[in-house]
């Protein structure tokens, strides 16, 4: 186990690990939000051939 040593910024190791995980969680949420916005704003494909008719899919974004 790592020693509880203060760095020059006054942080202990557990505080650093928590801040790092919070940062990772924030950026994962940002990427997921961007991905969902891209999916929600995609244009539907041009008219399909007569034999294949696709039903429109509803997009649900959980805020």
C-alpha atoms as a PDB file:
ATOM      1  CA  UNK A   1       0.000   0.000   0.000  1.00  0.00           C
ATOM      2  CA  UNK A   2       1.231   3.488  -0.820  1.00  0.00           C
ATOM      3  CA  UNK A   3       2.311   5.747   2.006  1.00  0.00           C
ATOM      4  CA  UNK A   4       0.140   8.710   2.901  1.00  0.00           C
ATOM      5  CA  UNK A   5       2.674  11.342   1.857  1.00  0.00           C
ATOM      6  CA  UNK A   6       1.778  14.943   1.179  1.00  0.00           C
ATOM      7  CA  UNK A   7       2.926  16.189  -2.176  1.00  0.00           C
ATOM      8  CA  UNK A   8       4.192  19.716  -2.713  1.00  0.00           C
ATOM      9  CA  UNK A   9       0.564  20.682  -3.471  1.00  0.00           C
ATOM     10  CA  UNK A  10      -0.686  19.335  -0.145  1.00  0.00           C
ATOM     11  CA  UNK A  11      -2.691  16.424  -1.588  1.00  0.00           C
ATOM     12  CA  UNK A  12      -2.607  12.943  -0.133  1.00  0.00           C
ATOM     13  CA  UNK A  13      -2.660   9.902  -2.397  1.00  0.00           C
ATOM     14  CA  UNK A  14      -6.372   9.017  -1.796  1.00  0.00           C
ATOM     15  CA  UNK A  15      -7.375  12.594  -2.664  1.00  0.00           C
ATOM     16  CA  UNK A  16      -5.404  12.382  -5.896  1.00  0.00           C
ATOM     17  CA  UNK A  17      -7.011   9.037  -6.827  1.00  0.00           C
ATOM     18  CA  UNK A  18     -10.499  10.416  -6.114  1.00  0.00           C
ATOM     19  CA  UNK A  19      -9.871  13.556  -8.186  1.00  0.00           C
ATOM     20  CA  UNK A  20      -8.542  11.424 -11.041  1.00  0.00           C
ATOM     21  CA  UNK A  21     -11.587   9.139 -11.019  1.00  0.00           C
ATOM     22  CA  UNK A  22     -13.937  12.143 -10.850  1.00  0.00           C
ATOM     23  CA  UNK A  23     -12.182  13.622 -13.882  1.00  0.00           C
ATOM     24  CA  UNK A  24     -12.471  10.326 -15.794  1.00  0.00           C
ATOM     25  CA  UNK A  25     -16.179  10.094 -14.974  1.00  0.00           C
ATOM     26  CA  UNK A  26     -16.731  13.687 -16.142  1.00  0.00           C
ATOM     27  CA  UNK A  27     -15.081  13.092 -19.535  1.00  0.00           C
ATOM     28  CA  UNK A  28     -16.931   9.791 -20.037  1.00  0.00           C
ATOM     29  CA  UNK A  29     -20.218  11.625 -19.440  1.00  0.00           C
ATOM     30  CA  UNK A  30     -19.182  14.363 -21.886  1.00  0.00           C
ATOM     31  CA  UNK A  31     -18.354  11.787 -24.592  1.00  0.00           C
ATOM     32  CA  UNK A  32     -21.637   9.932 -24.006  1.00  0.00           C
ATOM     33  CA  UNK A  33     -23.618  13.177 -24.236  1.00  0.00           C
ATOM     34  CA  UNK A  34     -21.860  14.173 -27.461  1.00  0.00           C
ATOM     35  CA  UNK A  35     -22.455  10.709 -28.928  1.00  0.00           C
ATOM     36  CA  UNK A  36     -26.163  10.827 -28.057  1.00  0.00           C
ATOM     37  CA  UNK A  37     -26.506  14.288 -29.604  1.00  0.00           C
ATOM     38  CA  UNK A  38     -24.841  13.072 -32.794  1.00  0.00           C
ATOM     39  CA  UNK A  39     -27.192  10.072 -32.915  1.00  0.00           C
ATOM     40  CA  UNK A  40     -30.232  12.294 -32.272  1.00  0.00           C
ATOM     41  CA  UNK A  41     -29.365  14.746 -35.031  1.00  0.00           C
ATOM     42  CA  UNK A  42     -28.411  12.224 -37.722  1.00  0.00           C
ATOM     43  CA  UNK A  43     -30.385  12.677 -40.895  1.00  0.00           C
ATOM     44  CA  UNK A  44     -32.538   9.770 -41.937  1.00  0.00           C
ATOM     45  CA  UNK A  45     -31.339   7.909 -45.020  1.00  0.00           C
ATOM     46  CA  UNK A  46     -32.859   8.696 -48.405  1.00  0.00           C
ATOM     47  CA  UNK A  47     -36.032   6.891 -49.470  1.00  0.00           C
ATOM     48  CA  UNK A  48     -35.499   3.144 -49.509  1.00  0.00           C
ATOM     49  CA  UNK A  49     -36.413   0.914 -52.406  1.00  0.00           C
ATOM     50  CA  UNK A  50     -40.058  -0.066 -52.731  1.00  0.00           C
ATOM     51  CA  UNK A  51     -39.530  -3.569 -51.379  1.00  0.00           C
ATOM     52  CA  UNK A  52     -37.943  -2.371 -48.137  1.00  0.00           C
ATOM     53  CA  UNK A  53     -39.876   0.062 -46.016  1.00  0.00           C
ATOM     54  CA  UNK A  54     -38.350   0.863 -42.668  1.00  0.00           C
ATOM     55  CA  UNK A  55     -40.346   2.098 -39.731  1.00  0.00           C
ATOM     56  CA  UNK A  56     -39.070   5.245 -38.073  1.00  0.00           C
ATOM     57  CA  UNK A  57     -37.272   4.622 -34.820  1.00  0.00           C
ATOM     58  CA  UNK A  58     -37.880   6.848 -31.860  1.00  0.00           C
ATOM     59  CA  UNK A  59     -34.743   8.071 -30.137  1.00  0.00           C
ATOM     60  CA  UNK A  60     -34.913   8.266 -26.355  1.00  0.00           C
ATOM     61  CA  UNK A  61     -32.283  10.302 -24.551  1.00  0.00           C
ATOM     62  CA  UNK A  62     -32.218   9.840 -20.785  1.00  0.00           C
ATOM     63  CA  UNK A  63     -31.335  13.126 -19.139  1.00  0.00           C
END
